[in-house]
Every structure is written in structure tokens, then in C-alpha cells.
N, C-alpha and C. Protein backbone atom coordinates (compact mmCIF):
# COMPACT_ATOMS: atom_id res chain seq x y z
N UNK A 1 26.06 14.38 48.75
CA UNK A 1 25.86 14.61 47.34
C UNK A 1 24.38 14.87 47.05
N UNK A 2 24.18 15.69 46.06
CA UNK A 2 22.83 16.02 45.67
C UNK A 2 22.31 14.95 44.72
N UNK A 3 21.09 14.50 44.96
CA UNK A 3 20.48 13.48 44.10
C UNK A 3 20.10 14.12 42.76
N UNK A 4 20.38 13.38 41.68
CA UNK A 4 20.06 13.89 40.34
C UNK A 4 18.65 13.44 39.96
N UNK A 5 17.89 14.36 39.45
CA UNK A 5 16.54 14.01 39.03
C UNK A 5 16.50 13.95 37.50
N UNK A 6 15.84 12.93 36.98
CA UNK A 6 15.71 12.75 35.54
C UNK A 6 14.26 13.04 35.14
N UNK A 7 14.12 13.49 33.92
CA UNK A 7 12.77 13.73 33.42
C UNK A 7 12.16 12.40 32.98
N UNK A 8 10.86 12.42 32.83
CA UNK A 8 10.17 11.19 32.43
C UNK A 8 10.27 10.94 30.93
N UNK A 9 10.90 11.83 30.18
CA UNK A 9 11.04 11.62 28.73
C UNK A 9 11.92 10.42 28.44
N UNK A 10 12.87 10.15 29.29
CA UNK A 10 13.72 8.98 29.10
C UNK A 10 12.94 7.70 29.28
N UNK A 11 11.99 7.70 30.20
CA UNK A 11 11.18 6.51 30.42
C UNK A 11 10.16 6.33 29.29
N UNK A 12 9.79 7.39 28.63
CA UNK A 12 8.82 7.31 27.54
C UNK A 12 9.47 7.05 26.19
N UNK A 13 10.78 6.94 26.16
CA UNK A 13 11.47 6.76 24.88
C UNK A 13 10.99 5.54 24.10
N UNK A 14 10.85 4.35 24.70
CA UNK A 14 10.35 3.21 23.93
C UNK A 14 8.91 3.41 23.43
N UNK A 15 8.09 4.03 24.24
CA UNK A 15 6.70 4.27 23.85
C UNK A 15 6.65 5.25 22.69
N UNK A 16 7.42 6.31 22.76
CA UNK A 16 7.46 7.29 21.68
C UNK A 16 8.03 6.68 20.40
N UNK A 17 9.04 5.83 20.54
CA UNK A 17 9.63 5.18 19.38
C UNK A 17 8.60 4.33 18.66
N UNK A 18 7.87 3.50 19.39
CA UNK A 18 6.88 2.64 18.75
C UNK A 18 5.69 3.44 18.21
N UNK A 19 5.34 4.54 18.84
CA UNK A 19 4.26 5.38 18.33
C UNK A 19 4.67 6.02 17.00
N UNK A 20 5.89 6.51 16.93
CA UNK A 20 6.37 7.11 15.69
C UNK A 20 6.51 6.05 14.60
N UNK A 21 7.02 4.88 14.95
CA UNK A 21 7.14 3.80 13.96
C UNK A 21 5.76 3.36 13.47
N UNK A 22 4.78 3.33 14.33
CA UNK A 22 3.42 2.97 13.93
C UNK A 22 2.87 3.96 12.92
N UNK A 23 3.09 5.24 13.15
CA UNK A 23 2.60 6.27 12.23
C UNK A 23 3.32 6.16 10.89
N UNK A 24 4.63 5.94 10.91
CA UNK A 24 5.40 5.83 9.66
C UNK A 24 4.94 4.61 8.86
N UNK A 25 4.77 3.48 9.52
CA UNK A 25 4.34 2.26 8.83
C UNK A 25 2.91 2.43 8.31
N UNK A 26 2.07 3.08 9.06
CA UNK A 26 0.70 3.33 8.62
C UNK A 26 0.67 4.18 7.36
N UNK A 27 1.46 5.24 7.32
CA UNK A 27 1.51 6.10 6.14
C UNK A 27 2.10 5.36 4.94
N UNK A 28 3.14 4.57 5.15
CA UNK A 28 3.72 3.80 4.05
C UNK A 28 2.74 2.76 3.52
N UNK A 29 2.01 2.11 4.40
CA UNK A 29 1.05 1.10 3.94
C UNK A 29 -0.09 1.75 3.17
N UNK A 30 -0.54 2.92 3.59
CA UNK A 30 -1.57 3.63 2.83
C UNK A 30 -1.05 4.00 1.46
N UNK A 31 0.18 4.48 1.38
CA UNK A 31 0.76 4.84 0.09
C UNK A 31 0.90 3.63 -0.82
N UNK A 32 1.39 2.51 -0.29
CA UNK A 32 1.59 1.31 -1.10
C UNK A 32 0.25 0.74 -1.56
N UNK A 33 -0.71 0.66 -0.66
CA UNK A 33 -2.02 0.10 -1.03
C UNK A 33 -2.74 0.99 -2.03
N UNK A 34 -2.66 2.29 -1.87
CA UNK A 34 -3.33 3.17 -2.83
C UNK A 34 -2.64 3.13 -4.18
N UNK A 35 -1.31 3.03 -4.21
CA UNK A 35 -0.64 2.94 -5.51
C UNK A 35 -0.96 1.62 -6.21
N UNK A 36 -1.07 0.53 -5.46
CA UNK A 36 -1.47 -0.74 -6.07
C UNK A 36 -2.91 -0.68 -6.56
N UNK A 37 -3.78 -0.05 -5.80
CA UNK A 37 -5.17 0.08 -6.20
C UNK A 37 -5.30 0.87 -7.49
N UNK A 38 -4.62 2.00 -7.57
CA UNK A 38 -4.70 2.82 -8.78
C UNK A 38 -4.00 2.17 -9.96
N UNK A 39 -2.99 1.33 -9.71
CA UNK A 39 -2.33 0.62 -10.80
C UNK A 39 -3.26 -0.42 -11.41
N UNK A 40 -3.94 -1.18 -10.59
CA UNK A 40 -4.81 -2.23 -11.11
C UNK A 40 -6.13 -1.72 -11.63
N UNK A 41 -6.56 -0.54 -11.23
CA UNK A 41 -7.83 0.01 -11.68
C UNK A 41 -7.67 1.17 -12.65
N UNK A 42 -6.53 1.26 -13.30
CA UNK A 42 -6.33 2.37 -14.23
C UNK A 42 -6.93 2.03 -15.59
N UNK A 43 -7.37 3.06 -16.30
CA UNK A 43 -7.92 2.92 -17.64
C UNK A 43 -6.95 3.51 -18.66
N UNK A 44 -5.68 3.27 -18.48
CA UNK A 44 -4.69 3.85 -19.38
C UNK A 44 -4.62 3.06 -20.67
N UNK A 45 -4.08 3.71 -21.70
CA UNK A 45 -3.94 3.08 -23.00
C UNK A 45 -2.79 2.09 -22.97
N UNK A 46 -2.82 1.13 -23.89
CA UNK A 46 -1.74 0.17 -24.00
C UNK A 46 -0.53 0.84 -24.63
N UNK A 47 0.58 0.12 -24.75
CA UNK A 47 1.80 0.70 -25.30
C UNK A 47 1.64 1.12 -26.75
N UNK A 48 0.84 0.38 -27.53
CA UNK A 48 0.64 0.75 -28.92
C UNK A 48 -0.24 1.98 -29.04
N UNK A 49 -1.19 2.15 -28.14
CA UNK A 49 -2.04 3.32 -28.12
C UNK A 49 -3.10 3.32 -29.20
N UNK A 50 -3.36 2.18 -29.83
CA UNK A 50 -4.35 2.14 -30.89
C UNK A 50 -5.75 2.09 -30.29
N UNK A 51 -6.68 2.92 -30.80
CA UNK A 51 -8.03 2.93 -30.25
C UNK A 51 -8.79 1.65 -30.54
N UNK A 52 -8.42 0.92 -31.60
CA UNK A 52 -9.12 -0.31 -31.95
C UNK A 52 -8.95 -1.36 -30.86
N UNK A 53 -7.73 -1.54 -30.39
CA UNK A 53 -7.50 -2.52 -29.34
C UNK A 53 -8.11 -2.06 -28.02
N UNK A 54 -8.13 -0.75 -27.80
CA UNK A 54 -8.71 -0.24 -26.56
C UNK A 54 -10.21 -0.47 -26.52
N UNK A 55 -10.92 -0.28 -27.64
CA UNK A 55 -12.36 -0.50 -27.65
C UNK A 55 -12.68 -1.98 -27.53
N UNK A 56 -11.84 -2.83 -28.13
CA UNK A 56 -12.04 -4.27 -27.99
C UNK A 56 -11.78 -4.71 -26.56
N UNK A 57 -10.82 -4.07 -25.91
CA UNK A 57 -10.51 -4.41 -24.53
C UNK A 57 -11.66 -4.05 -23.60
N UNK A 58 -12.33 -2.93 -23.87
CA UNK A 58 -13.43 -2.51 -23.00
C UNK A 58 -14.67 -3.37 -23.20
N UNK A 59 -14.88 -3.89 -24.43
CA UNK A 59 -16.09 -4.65 -24.69
C UNK A 59 -15.99 -6.09 -24.20
N UNK A 60 -14.77 -6.63 -24.13
CA UNK A 60 -14.59 -8.03 -23.69
C UNK A 60 -14.32 -8.07 -22.19
N UNK A 61 -14.94 -8.98 -21.47
CA UNK A 61 -14.66 -9.09 -20.04
C UNK A 61 -13.27 -9.69 -19.82
N UNK A 62 -12.73 -9.40 -18.69
CA UNK A 62 -11.41 -9.93 -18.34
C UNK A 62 -11.57 -11.40 -17.97
N UNK A 63 -10.73 -12.22 -18.56
CA UNK A 63 -10.79 -13.65 -18.27
C UNK A 63 -9.68 -13.99 -17.29
N UNK A 64 -10.06 -14.67 -16.22
CA UNK A 64 -9.12 -15.05 -15.20
C UNK A 64 -9.18 -16.55 -15.04
N UNK A 65 -8.05 -17.20 -15.12
CA UNK A 65 -8.04 -18.65 -14.93
C UNK A 65 -7.73 -18.95 -13.48
N UNK A 66 -8.46 -19.89 -12.93
CA UNK A 66 -8.23 -20.30 -11.55
C UNK A 66 -8.04 -21.81 -11.53
N UNK A 67 -7.27 -22.25 -10.58
CA UNK A 67 -7.04 -23.67 -10.44
C UNK A 67 -8.16 -24.29 -9.59
N UNK A 68 -8.66 -25.44 -10.03
CA UNK A 68 -9.72 -26.13 -9.31
C UNK A 68 -9.19 -27.48 -8.88
N UNK A 69 -9.33 -27.75 -7.62
CA UNK A 69 -8.90 -29.05 -7.09
C UNK A 69 -10.07 -29.99 -7.08
N UNK A 70 -9.87 -31.16 -7.69
CA UNK A 70 -10.91 -32.17 -7.75
C UNK A 70 -10.43 -33.37 -6.97
N UNK A 71 -11.27 -33.87 -6.09
CA UNK A 71 -10.89 -35.05 -5.29
C UNK A 71 -11.32 -36.32 -5.97
């Protein structure tokens, strides 16, 4: 019987799979992180769209409450 020869593409299948998955996950993470960045740093108007509230919003700093642990 004649011996069958296989190409090396079958042996590279796991490597190619993980390389493609790495690229897909990298692109998705860039898309998700950039959309979150642009969402939190947007200067869009509020739902009411009144310029009075918008000017007051720009002049006042954002207040963030943080929890402080005291021993």
C-alpha cells in the first residue's frame, strides 16, 4: 500500500484557530473600549435640551462620592 502524506495545515489548525480568535477578541475589545470612552466623554445635550441647564452643567464640576473606610 502507498503511504498517505498529509499537509502540515492540519497540524497548524489549533495555532491558526487561536490566532484568529486573538484577532477577533482584540478587535471587539477595541470597539467596546472606544465606545465606552466616547460614551463617558461625550458633550451631548441632556434630554430636555435646554441651554440653561447645559451652561450650568459646564460651569459646575462633577461631584463624585467615594466610600472611605475608617479604622
